[in-house]
Amino acid sequence: MSALYDLGVRSYGPAAQPRMGFFTDTSICIGCKACEVACKEYHELAADDVAFRGWSMDNTGGLGADTWRHVAFVEQRRPPLASADAPEALRWLMASDVCKHCTDAACLEVCPTGALLRTEFGTVVVQDDICNGCGYCIPACPFGVLDQREDDGRVGKCTLCYDRLGEGQEPACSKACPTNSIQFGEVGELRERASARVERLRAGGEEGARLYGEDPGDGVGGMGAFFLLLDEPEVYGLPPDPVDPVRHLGQTWRATAAAAGLLAAGVVASVLAGRGGT
């Protein structure tokens, strides 16, 4: 497969396959958390504490080293549409969050051991047996996806069920989704499908419908797992303009080296000029 840079869909390695990913349509998510359960059961991840948080019906809170899929519950209170005596309106937004499998993945770039790698499907995975728990990848992720396990300090996150992909199977979370909110497939095809879905929603009056993470020109080069949202990204706890913090690190180091070289040359010239005057 050739590299398709116009779509931000790249092929990786000698055994490259079409880039695979997720399109999550939050407009049809019902908050059942079947994806969370399926992910935990398949990967044998530790259970979350089930607790009422006081501000939301969401009992898991967010992504973590042992929570690779998280269904966020966003309760929005709105003023009544009719008379002032009408009750306050409430809208619930549901969104199943996951690692974005970025095209420009800062976590992968800063990992000193090679524990994070890009697979032939274009996904980013953590190799447990190589991760040394240094934690460098955690602040590098612009989405706050990565975290360390309490017992051994190693990092855990979504693998897009890499072992299942190798067998031609669908990831556990999308297979368990009862509404097809989580759609799995080739990233290029998913982007086309997502764009058509946004157009239909807007034509039906859902003016807030938008895509998040499908643009290869964004700060992370486009995401392998992207979303259809019904409101601003911040409402869902997502950064509006995510940026790979080490994207331009090479240019920075080159500029620093050049400046250091000029400085050294200036010092040498000054020393030689001083000797010549004595």
C-alpha atoms as a PDB file:
ATOM      1  CA  MET A   1       0.000   0.000   0.000  1.00  0.00           C
ATOM      2  CA  SER A   2       1.393   3.401  -0.921  1.00  0.00           C
ATOM      3  CA  ALA A   3       1.428   6.319   1.511  1.00  0.00           C
ATOM      4  CA  LEU A   4      -1.680   8.503   1.148  1.00  0.00           C
ATOM      5  CA  TYR A   5      -0.483  11.753   2.642  1.00  0.00           C
ATOM      6  CA  ASP A   6      -3.337  13.802   1.142  1.00  0.00           C
ATOM      7  CA  LEU A   7      -5.720  12.081   3.566  1.00  0.00           C
ATOM      8  CA  GLY A   8      -3.238  11.784   6.389  1.00  0.00           C
ATOM      9  CA  VAL A   9      -3.493   8.005   5.968  1.00  0.00           C
ATOM     10  CA  ARG A  10      -0.030   6.515   5.995  1.00  0.00           C
ATOM     11  CA  SER A  11       1.350   3.023   5.614  1.00  0.00           C
ATOM     12  CA  TYR A  12       3.863   1.820   8.193  1.00  0.00           C
ATOM     13  CA  GLY A  13       6.651  -0.730   7.843  1.00  0.00           C
ATOM     14  CA  PRO A  14       7.300  -3.541   5.359  1.00  0.00           C
ATOM     15  CA  ALA A  15       4.134  -5.423   6.392  1.00  0.00           C
ATOM     16  CA  ALA A  16       1.948  -2.309   6.237  1.00  0.00           C
ATOM     17  CA  GLN A  17      -1.810  -2.698   6.162  1.00  0.00           C
ATOM     18  CA  PRO A  18      -4.472  -0.049   5.503  1.00  0.00           C
ATOM     19  CA  ARG A  19      -4.566   2.334   8.449  1.00  0.00           C
ATOM     20  CA  MET A  20      -7.317   1.217  10.827  1.00  0.00           C
ATOM     21  CA  GLY A  21      -9.141   3.286  13.404  1.00  0.00           C
ATOM     22  CA  PHE A  22     -12.378   4.373  15.072  1.00  0.00           C
ATOM     23  CA  PHE A  23     -15.068   6.874  14.160  1.00  0.00           C
ATOM     24  CA  THR A  24     -17.166   7.553  17.257  1.00  0.00           C
ATOM     25  CA  ASP A  25     -20.546   9.131  16.501  1.00  0.00           C
ATOM     26  CA  THR A  26     -21.577  10.640  19.829  1.00  0.00           C
ATOM     27  CA  SER A  27     -24.990  11.611  18.463  1.00  0.00           C
ATOM     28  CA  ILE A  28     -26.164   8.002  18.787  1.00  0.00           C
ATOM     29  CA  CYS A  29     -24.273   7.028  21.954  1.00  0.00           C
ATOM     30  CA  ILE A  30     -26.757   5.988  24.669  1.00  0.00           C
ATOM     31  CA  GLY A  31     -24.243   5.838  27.518  1.00  0.00           C
ATOM     32  CA  CYS A  32     -24.698   2.115  28.138  1.00  0.00           C
ATOM     33  CA  LYS A  33     -20.950   1.623  28.758  1.00  0.00           C
ATOM     34  CA  ALA A  34     -20.973  -1.703  26.917  1.00  0.00           C
ATOM     35  CA  CYS A  35     -17.704  -0.626  25.264  1.00  0.00           C
ATOM     36  CA  GLU A  36     -16.076  -0.009  28.649  1.00  0.00           C
ATOM     37  CA  VAL A  37     -17.104  -3.423  29.918  1.00  0.00           C
ATOM     38  CA  ALA A  38     -16.075  -5.244  26.733  1.00  0.00           C
ATOM     39  CA  CYS A  39     -12.649  -3.570  26.778  1.00  0.00           C
ATOM     40  CA  LYS A  40     -12.014  -4.444  30.411  1.00  0.00           C
ATOM     41  CA  GLU A  41     -13.196  -8.032  30.013  1.00  0.00           C
ATOM     42  CA  TYR A  42     -11.182  -8.711  26.860  1.00  0.00           C
ATOM     43  CA  HIS A  43      -7.944  -7.157  28.132  1.00  0.00           C
ATOM     44  CA  GLU A  44      -8.481  -8.329  31.737  1.00  0.00           C
ATOM     45  CA  LEU A  45      -8.137  -4.816  33.128  1.00  0.00           C
ATOM     46  CA  ALA A  46      -8.758  -3.950  36.760  1.00  0.00           C
ATOM     47  CA  ALA A  47     -12.265  -2.757  37.635  1.00  0.00           C
ATOM     48  CA  ASP A  48     -12.917   0.907  38.432  1.00  0.00           C
ATOM     49  CA  ASP A  49     -14.298   2.086  41.745  1.00  0.00           C
ATOM     50  CA  VAL A  50     -18.047   2.492  41.308  1.00  0.00           C
ATOM     51  CA  ALA A  51     -18.934   5.719  43.065  1.00  0.00           C
ATOM     52  CA  PHE A  52     -21.351   8.608  42.676  1.00  0.00           C
ATOM     53  CA  ARG A  53     -19.183  11.637  41.952  1.00  0.00           C
ATOM     54  CA  GLY A  54     -21.718  14.282  42.924  1.00  0.00           C
ATOM     55  CA  TRP A  55     -21.480  16.251  39.690  1.00  0.00           C
ATOM     56  CA  SER A  56     -22.289  13.551  37.142  1.00  0.00           C
ATOM     57  CA  MET A  57     -23.894  10.146  36.700  1.00  0.00           C
ATOM     58  CA  ASP A  58     -20.584   9.021  35.173  1.00  0.00           C
ATOM     59  CA  ASN A  59     -19.119   6.559  37.669  1.00  0.00           C
ATOM     60  CA  THR A  60     -15.698   5.997  36.065  1.00  0.00           C
ATOM     61  CA  GLY A  61     -14.518   9.577  35.554  1.00  0.00           C
ATOM     62  CA  GLY A  62     -11.962   9.286  32.762  1.00  0.00           C
ATOM     63  CA  LEU A  63      -9.369   7.296  30.871  1.00  0.00           C
ATOM     64  CA  GLY A  64      -6.496   5.687  32.766  1.00  0.00           C
ATOM     65  CA  ALA A  65      -3.963   2.888  32.783  1.00  0.00           C
ATOM     66  CA  ASP A  66      -6.741   0.363  33.459  1.00  0.00           C
ATOM     67  CA  THR A  67      -9.580   2.199  31.686  1.00  0.00           C
ATOM     68  CA  TRP A  68      -8.939   2.295  27.960  1.00  0.00           C
ATOM     69  CA  ARG A  69     -12.501   3.228  26.963  1.00  0.00           C
ATOM     70  CA  HIS A  70     -14.478   5.781  28.952  1.00  0.00           C
ATOM     71  CA  VAL A  71     -18.050   6.895  28.310  1.00  0.00           C
ATOM     72  CA  ALA A  72     -18.412  10.478  29.466  1.00  0.00           C
ATOM     73  CA  PHE A  73     -21.791  11.768  30.659  1.00  0.00           C
ATOM     74  CA  VAL A  74     -22.142  15.510  30.065  1.00  0.00           C
ATOM     75  CA  GLU A  75     -25.240  17.037  31.643  1.00  0.00           C
ATOM     76  CA  GLN A  76     -26.129  20.410  30.142  1.00  0.00           C
ATOM     77  CA  ARG A  77     -28.675  22.654  31.830  1.00  0.00           C
ATOM     78  CA  ARG A  78     -30.428  25.021  29.446  1.00  0.00           C
ATOM     79  CA  PRO A  79     -32.985  27.784  29.943  1.00  0.00           C
ATOM     80  CA  PRO A  80     -36.591  26.787  29.126  1.00  0.00           C
ATOM     81  CA  LEU A  81     -37.663  27.285  25.535  1.00  0.00           C
ATOM     82  CA  ALA A  82     -41.206  28.439  26.265  1.00  0.00           C
ATOM     83  CA  SER A  83     -42.492  30.514  29.154  1.00  0.00           C
ATOM     84  CA  ALA A  84     -40.519  31.517  32.217  1.00  0.00           C
ATOM     85  CA  ASP A  85     -42.622  29.086  34.239  1.00  0.00           C
ATOM     86  CA  ALA A  86     -41.410  26.104  32.233  1.00  0.00           C
ATOM     87  CA  PRO A  87     -38.883  23.799  33.920  1.00  0.00           C
ATOM     88  CA  GLU A  88     -35.200  24.086  33.127  1.00  0.00           C
ATOM     89  CA  ALA A  89     -34.244  21.932  30.154  1.00  0.00           C
ATOM     90  CA  LEU A  90     -31.602  19.226  30.544  1.00  0.00           C
ATOM     91  CA  ARG A  91     -29.597  17.677  27.705  1.00  0.00           C
ATOM     92  CA  TRP A  92     -27.307  14.713  28.186  1.00  0.00           C
ATOM     93  CA  LEU A  93     -24.376  14.297  25.835  1.00  0.00           C
ATOM     94  CA  MET A  94     -22.735  10.860  25.797  1.00  0.00           C
ATOM     95  CA  ALA A  95     -19.299  10.266  24.312  1.00  0.00           C
ATOM     96  CA  SER A  96     -17.084   7.177  24.390  1.00  0.00           C
ATOM     97  CA  ASP A  97     -13.515   8.458  24.644  1.00  0.00           C
ATOM     98  CA  VAL A  98     -10.367   6.519  23.768  1.00  0.00           C
ATOM     99  CA  CYS A  99      -6.708   6.986  22.780  1.00  0.00           C
ATOM    100  CA  LYS A 100      -6.566   8.982  19.554  1.00  0.00           C
ATOM    101  CA  HIS A 101      -3.750   6.976  17.887  1.00  0.00           C
ATOM    102  CA  CYS A 102      -2.332  10.257  16.539  1.00  0.00           C
ATOM    103  CA  THR A 103      -0.493  10.472  13.239  1.00  0.00           C
ATOM    104  CA  ASP A 104       2.165  12.567  14.987  1.00  0.00           C
ATOM    105  CA  ALA A 105       2.219  10.751  18.321  1.00  0.00           C
ATOM    106  CA  ALA A 106       4.247  12.640  20.932  1.00  0.00           C
ATOM    107  CA  CYS A 107       4.085   9.700  23.351  1.00  0.00           C
ATOM    108  CA  LEU A 108       5.886   7.506  20.846  1.00  0.00           C
ATOM    109  CA  GLU A 109       8.460  10.169  20.050  1.00  0.00           C
ATOM    110  CA  VAL A 110       9.551  10.723  23.666  1.00  0.00           C
ATOM    111  CA  CYS A 111       9.607   7.068  24.765  1.00  0.00           C
ATOM    112  CA  PRO A 112      13.267   6.230  25.562  1.00  0.00           C
ATOM    113  CA  THR A 113      12.908   2.433  25.557  1.00  0.00           C
ATOM    114  CA  GLY A 114      10.885   1.768  22.409  1.00  0.00           C
ATOM    115  CA  ALA A 115       7.994   0.468  24.499  1.00  0.00           C
ATOM    116  CA  LEU A 116       5.624   2.601  22.430  1.00  0.00           C
ATOM    117  CA  LEU A 117       5.574   1.646  18.775  1.00  0.00           C
ATOM    118  CA  ARG A 118       3.628   2.156  15.563  1.00  0.00           C
ATOM    119  CA  THR A 119       2.055  -1.029  14.237  1.00  0.00           C
ATOM    120  CA  GLU A 120       1.553  -2.026  10.626  1.00  0.00           C
ATOM    121  CA  PHE A 121      -2.078  -0.847  11.016  1.00  0.00           C
ATOM    122  CA  GLY A 122      -0.973   2.697  11.859  1.00  0.00           C
ATOM    123  CA  THR A 123      -1.991   2.350  15.512  1.00  0.00           C
ATOM    124  CA  VAL A 124       0.143   3.162  18.568  1.00  0.00           C
ATOM    125  CA  VAL A 125       0.580   0.472  21.228  1.00  0.00           C
ATOM    126  CA  VAL A 126       2.490   0.022  24.504  1.00  0.00           C
ATOM    127  CA  GLN A 127       4.606  -3.082  24.969  1.00  0.00           C
ATOM    128  CA  ASP A 128       4.218  -3.994  28.626  1.00  0.00           C
ATOM    129  CA  ASP A 129       7.404  -6.037  28.770  1.00  0.00           C
ATOM    130  CA  ILE A 130       9.534  -3.090  27.581  1.00  0.00           C
ATOM    131  CA  CYS A 131       7.880  -0.191  29.435  1.00  0.00           C
ATOM    132  CA  ASN A 132      10.089   0.810  32.399  1.00  0.00           C
ATOM    133  CA  GLY A 133       7.572   3.177  33.982  1.00  0.00           C
ATOM    134  CA  CYS A 134       9.613   6.340  33.360  1.00  0.00           C
ATOM    135  CA  GLY A 135       6.414   8.283  32.640  1.00  0.00           C
ATOM    136  CA  TYR A 136       7.886  10.543  29.930  1.00  0.00           C
ATOM    137  CA  CYS A 137       4.939   9.824  27.642  1.00  0.00           C
ATOM    138  CA  ILE A 138       2.325  11.024  30.141  1.00  0.00           C
ATOM    139  CA  PRO A 139       2.894  14.808  29.907  1.00  0.00           C
ATOM    140  CA  ALA A 140       3.649  14.482  26.190  1.00  0.00           C
ATOM    141  CA  CYS A 141       0.094  13.385  25.359  1.00  0.00           C
ATOM    142  CA  PRO A 142      -2.042  16.474  24.598  1.00  0.00           C
ATOM    143  CA  PHE A 143      -5.219  14.556  25.516  1.00  0.00           C
ATOM    144  CA  GLY A 144      -4.238  13.278  28.951  1.00  0.00           C
ATOM    145  CA  VAL A 145      -4.867   9.703  27.832  1.00  0.00           C
ATOM    146  CA  LEU A 146      -1.813   8.077  29.398  1.00  0.00           C
ATOM    147  CA  ASP A 147      -1.399   7.140  33.032  1.00  0.00           C
ATOM    148  CA  GLN A 148       0.640   4.713  35.129  1.00  0.00           C
ATOM    149  CA  ARG A 149      -0.629   1.674  36.999  1.00  0.00           C
ATOM    150  CA  GLU A 150      -0.358   1.953  40.756  1.00  0.00           C
ATOM    151  CA  ASP A 151       1.191  -1.493  41.236  1.00  0.00           C
ATOM    152  CA  ASP A 152       4.145  -1.412  38.828  1.00  0.00           C
ATOM    153  CA  GLY A 153       4.187   2.105  37.321  1.00  0.00           C
ATOM    154  CA  ARG A 154       3.852   0.874  33.766  1.00  0.00           C
ATOM    155  CA  VAL A 155       1.668   2.719  31.278  1.00  0.00           C
ATOM    156  CA  GLY A 156      -1.475   1.256  29.746  1.00  0.00           C
ATOM    157  CA  LYS A 157      -3.785   2.478  26.978  1.00  0.00           C
ATOM    158  CA  CYS A 158      -5.956   1.361  24.052  1.00  0.00           C
ATOM    159  CA  THR A 159      -4.196  -0.923  21.566  1.00  0.00           C
ATOM    160  CA  LEU A 160      -7.135  -0.969  19.123  1.00  0.00           C
ATOM    161  CA  CYS A 161      -7.116  -4.682  20.022  1.00  0.00           C
ATOM    162  CA  TYR A 162      -3.948  -5.272  18.023  1.00  0.00           C
ATOM    163  CA  ASP A 163      -4.110  -9.050  18.451  1.00  0.00           C
ATOM    164  CA  ARG A 164      -7.666  -9.105  17.091  1.00  0.00           C
ATOM    165  CA  LEU A 165      -6.683  -6.992  14.068  1.00  0.00           C
ATOM    166  CA  GLY A 166      -4.019  -9.537  13.211  1.00  0.00           C
ATOM    167  CA  GLU A 167      -6.738 -12.183  13.063  1.00  0.00           C
ATOM    168  CA  GLY A 168      -9.022 -10.021  10.934  1.00  0.00           C
ATOM    169  CA  GLN A 169     -11.390  -9.412  13.858  1.00  0.00           C
ATOM    170  CA  GLU A 170     -13.118  -6.248  15.059  1.00  0.00           C
ATOM    171  CA  PRO A 171     -11.973  -4.577  18.307  1.00  0.00           C
ATOM    172  CA  ALA A 172     -13.962  -5.628  21.371  1.00  0.00           C
ATOM    173  CA  CYS A 173     -15.434  -2.187  22.098  1.00  0.00           C
ATOM    174  CA  SER A 174     -16.909  -1.500  18.648  1.00  0.00           C
ATOM    175  CA  LYS A 175     -18.186  -5.062  18.379  1.00  0.00           C
ATOM    176  CA  ALA A 176     -20.062  -4.633  21.677  1.00  0.00           C
ATOM    177  CA  CYS A 177     -21.563  -1.210  20.839  1.00  0.00           C
ATOM    178  CA  PRO A 178     -25.339  -1.752  20.403  1.00  0.00           C
ATOM    179  CA  THR A 179     -26.020   1.476  18.459  1.00  0.00           C
ATOM    180  CA  ASN A 180     -22.996   1.459  16.123  1.00  0.00           C
ATOM    181  CA  SER A 181     -21.813   4.666  17.775  1.00  0.00           C
ATOM    182  CA  ILE A 182     -18.270   3.243  17.685  1.00  0.00           C
ATOM    183  CA  GLN A 183     -17.455   2.394  14.075  1.00  0.00           C
ATOM    184  CA  PHE A 184     -14.298   0.517  13.131  1.00  0.00           C
ATOM    185  CA  GLY A 185     -12.616   0.401   9.738  1.00  0.00           C
ATOM    186  CA  GLU A 186     -10.093   1.971   7.373  1.00  0.00           C
ATOM    187  CA  VAL A 187      -9.464   5.555   8.439  1.00  0.00           C
ATOM    188  CA  GLY A 188      -9.943   7.029   4.958  1.00  0.00           C
ATOM    189  CA  GLU A 189     -13.344   5.372   4.554  1.00  0.00           C
ATOM    190  CA  LEU A 190     -14.383   6.359   8.074  1.00  0.00           C
ATOM    191  CA  ARG A 191     -13.586  10.014   7.351  1.00  0.00           C
ATOM    192  CA  GLU A 192     -15.802   9.974   4.268  1.00  0.00           C
ATOM    193  CA  ARG A 193     -18.599   8.326   6.245  1.00  0.00           C
ATOM    194  CA  ALA A 194     -18.217  10.818   9.088  1.00  0.00           C
ATOM    195  CA  SER A 195     -18.395  13.844   6.773  1.00  0.00           C
ATOM    196  CA  ALA A 196     -21.612  12.554   5.228  1.00  0.00           C
ATOM    197  CA  ARG A 197     -23.089  11.972   8.688  1.00  0.00           C
ATOM    198  CA  VAL A 198     -22.337  15.560   9.754  1.00  0.00           C
ATOM    199  CA  GLU A 199     -24.045  16.900   6.645  1.00  0.00           C
ATOM    200  CA  ARG A 200     -27.169  14.854   7.374  1.00  0.00           C
ATOM    201  CA  LEU A 201     -27.312  16.019  10.976  1.00  0.00           C
ATOM    202  CA  ARG A 202     -26.903  19.663  10.049  1.00  0.00           C
ATOM    203  CA  ALA A 203     -29.559  19.348   7.365  1.00  0.00           C
ATOM    204  CA  GLY A 204     -31.840  17.957  10.071  1.00  0.00           C
ATOM    205  CA  GLY A 205     -31.314  20.992  12.298  1.00  0.00           C
ATOM    206  CA  GLU A 206     -28.395  19.847  14.489  1.00  0.00           C
ATOM    207  CA  GLU A 207     -26.293  22.926  13.828  1.00  0.00           C
ATOM    208  CA  GLY A 208     -23.701  22.054  16.485  1.00  0.00           C
ATOM    209  CA  ALA A 209     -22.627  18.838  14.753  1.00  0.00           C
ATOM    210  CA  ARG A 210     -18.913  18.831  13.930  1.00  0.00           C
ATOM    211  CA  LEU A 211     -16.004  16.457  13.460  1.00  0.00           C
ATOM    212  CA  TYR A 212     -13.066  16.377  15.844  1.00  0.00           C
ATOM    213  CA  GLY A 213      -9.725  14.844  14.909  1.00  0.00           C
ATOM    214  CA  GLU A 214     -10.353  13.999  11.270  1.00  0.00           C
ATOM    215  CA  ASP A 215      -8.223  16.845   9.838  1.00  0.00           C
ATOM    216  CA  PRO A 216      -4.682  15.753   8.829  1.00  0.00           C
ATOM    217  CA  GLY A 217      -3.658  19.404   9.106  1.00  0.00           C
ATOM    218  CA  ASP A 218      -4.324  19.676  12.819  1.00  0.00           C
ATOM    219  CA  GLY A 219      -1.668  19.806  15.538  1.00  0.00           C
ATOM    220  CA  VAL A 220      -1.255  16.027  15.723  1.00  0.00           C
ATOM    221  CA  GLY A 221      -1.434  15.272  12.003  1.00  0.00           C
ATOM    222  CA  GLY A 222      -4.945  13.844  12.252  1.00  0.00           C
ATOM    223  CA  MET A 223      -6.206  11.126  14.571  1.00  0.00           C
ATOM    224  CA  GLY A 224      -6.734   7.443  13.979  1.00  0.00           C
ATOM    225  CA  ALA A 225      -9.667   7.637  16.393  1.00  0.00           C
ATOM    226  CA  PHE A 226     -11.845  10.673  15.761  1.00  0.00           C
ATOM    227  CA  PHE A 227     -15.294  11.875  16.815  1.00  0.00           C
ATOM    228  CA  LEU A 228     -18.549  13.476  15.764  1.00  0.00           C
ATOM    229  CA  LEU A 229     -19.507  15.954  18.481  1.00  0.00           C
ATOM    230  CA  LEU A 230     -22.706  17.929  19.066  1.00  0.00           C
ATOM    231  CA  ASP A 231     -21.014  20.802  20.899  1.00  0.00           C
ATOM    232  CA  GLU A 232     -17.613  22.417  21.387  1.00  0.00           C
ATOM    233  CA  PRO A 233     -14.748  19.990  22.192  1.00  0.00           C
ATOM    234  CA  GLU A 234     -14.252  21.612  25.612  1.00  0.00           C
ATOM    235  CA  VAL A 235     -17.754  20.485  26.627  1.00  0.00           C
ATOM    236  CA  TYR A 236     -16.544  16.892  26.296  1.00  0.00           C
ATOM    237  CA  GLY A 237     -13.250  17.568  28.070  1.00  0.00           C
ATOM    238  CA  LEU A 238     -11.267  17.585  24.808  1.00  0.00           C
ATOM    239  CA  PRO A 239      -8.657  20.251  23.931  1.00  0.00           C
ATOM    240  CA  PRO A 240      -9.914  22.521  21.108  1.00  0.00           C
ATOM    241  CA  ASP A 241      -6.524  22.743  19.383  1.00  0.00           C
ATOM    242  CA  PRO A 242      -4.372  19.760  20.384  1.00  0.00           C
ATOM    243  CA  VAL A 243      -0.690  20.054  19.493  1.00  0.00           C
ATOM    244  CA  ASP A 244       2.105  17.506  19.489  1.00  0.00           C
ATOM    245  CA  PRO A 245       4.502  19.228  21.934  1.00  0.00           C
ATOM    246  CA  VAL A 246       7.579  17.670  20.339  1.00  0.00           C
ATOM    247  CA  ARG A 247       6.485  18.095  16.727  1.00  0.00           C
ATOM    248  CA  HIS A 248       9.061  20.804  16.037  1.00  0.00           C
ATOM    249  CA  LEU A 249      11.699  19.532  18.435  1.00  0.00           C
ATOM    250  CA  GLY A 250      14.084  18.627  15.625  1.00  0.00           C
ATOM    251  CA  GLN A 251      13.941  22.158  14.226  1.00  0.00           C
ATOM    252  CA  THR A 252      14.479  23.568  17.720  1.00  0.00           C
ATOM    253  CA  TRP A 253      17.560  21.440  18.314  1.00  0.00           C
ATOM    254  CA  ARG A 254      18.968  22.334  14.888  1.00  0.00           C
ATOM    255  CA  ALA A 255      18.445  26.040  15.559  1.00  0.00           C
ATOM    256  CA  THR A 256      20.036  25.645  18.996  1.00  0.00           C
ATOM    257  CA  ALA A 257      23.023  23.834  17.522  1.00  0.00           C
ATOM    258  CA  ALA A 258      23.430  26.507  14.863  1.00  0.00           C
ATOM    259  CA  ALA A 259      23.295  29.268  17.466  1.00  0.00           C
ATOM    260  CA  ALA A 260      25.807  27.420  19.641  1.00  0.00           C
ATOM    261  CA  GLY A 261      28.100  27.048  16.634  1.00  0.00           C
ATOM    262  CA  LEU A 262      27.927  30.759  15.874  1.00  0.00           C
ATOM    263  CA  LEU A 263      28.586  31.582  19.513  1.00  0.00           C
ATOM    264  CA  ALA A 264      31.601  29.275  19.614  1.00  0.00           C
ATOM    265  CA  ALA A 265      32.936  30.784  16.394  1.00  0.00           C
ATOM    266  CA  GLY A 266      32.554  34.245  17.881  1.00  0.00           C
ATOM    267  CA  VAL A 267      34.423  33.236  21.021  1.00  0.00           C
ATOM    268  CA  VAL A 268      37.262  31.700  18.973  1.00  0.00           C
ATOM    269  CA  ALA A 269      37.446  34.819  16.777  1.00  0.00           C
ATOM    270  CA  SER A 270      37.614  37.049  19.857  1.00  0.00           C
ATOM    271  CA  VAL A 271      40.396  34.952  21.396  1.00  0.00           C
ATOM    272  CA  LEU A 272      42.419  34.983  18.186  1.00  0.00           C
ATOM    273  CA  ALA A 273      41.902  38.731  17.777  1.00  0.00           C
ATOM    274  CA  GLY A 274      43.075  39.249  21.344  1.00  0.00           C
ATOM    275  CA  ARG A 275      46.232  37.235  20.749  1.00  0.00           C
ATOM    276  CA  GLY A 276      46.928  39.105  17.557  1.00  0.00           C
ATOM    277  CA  GLY A 277      46.883  42.421  19.416  1.00  0.00           C
ATOM    278  CA  THR A 278      49.422  41.387  22.025  1.00  0.00           C
END
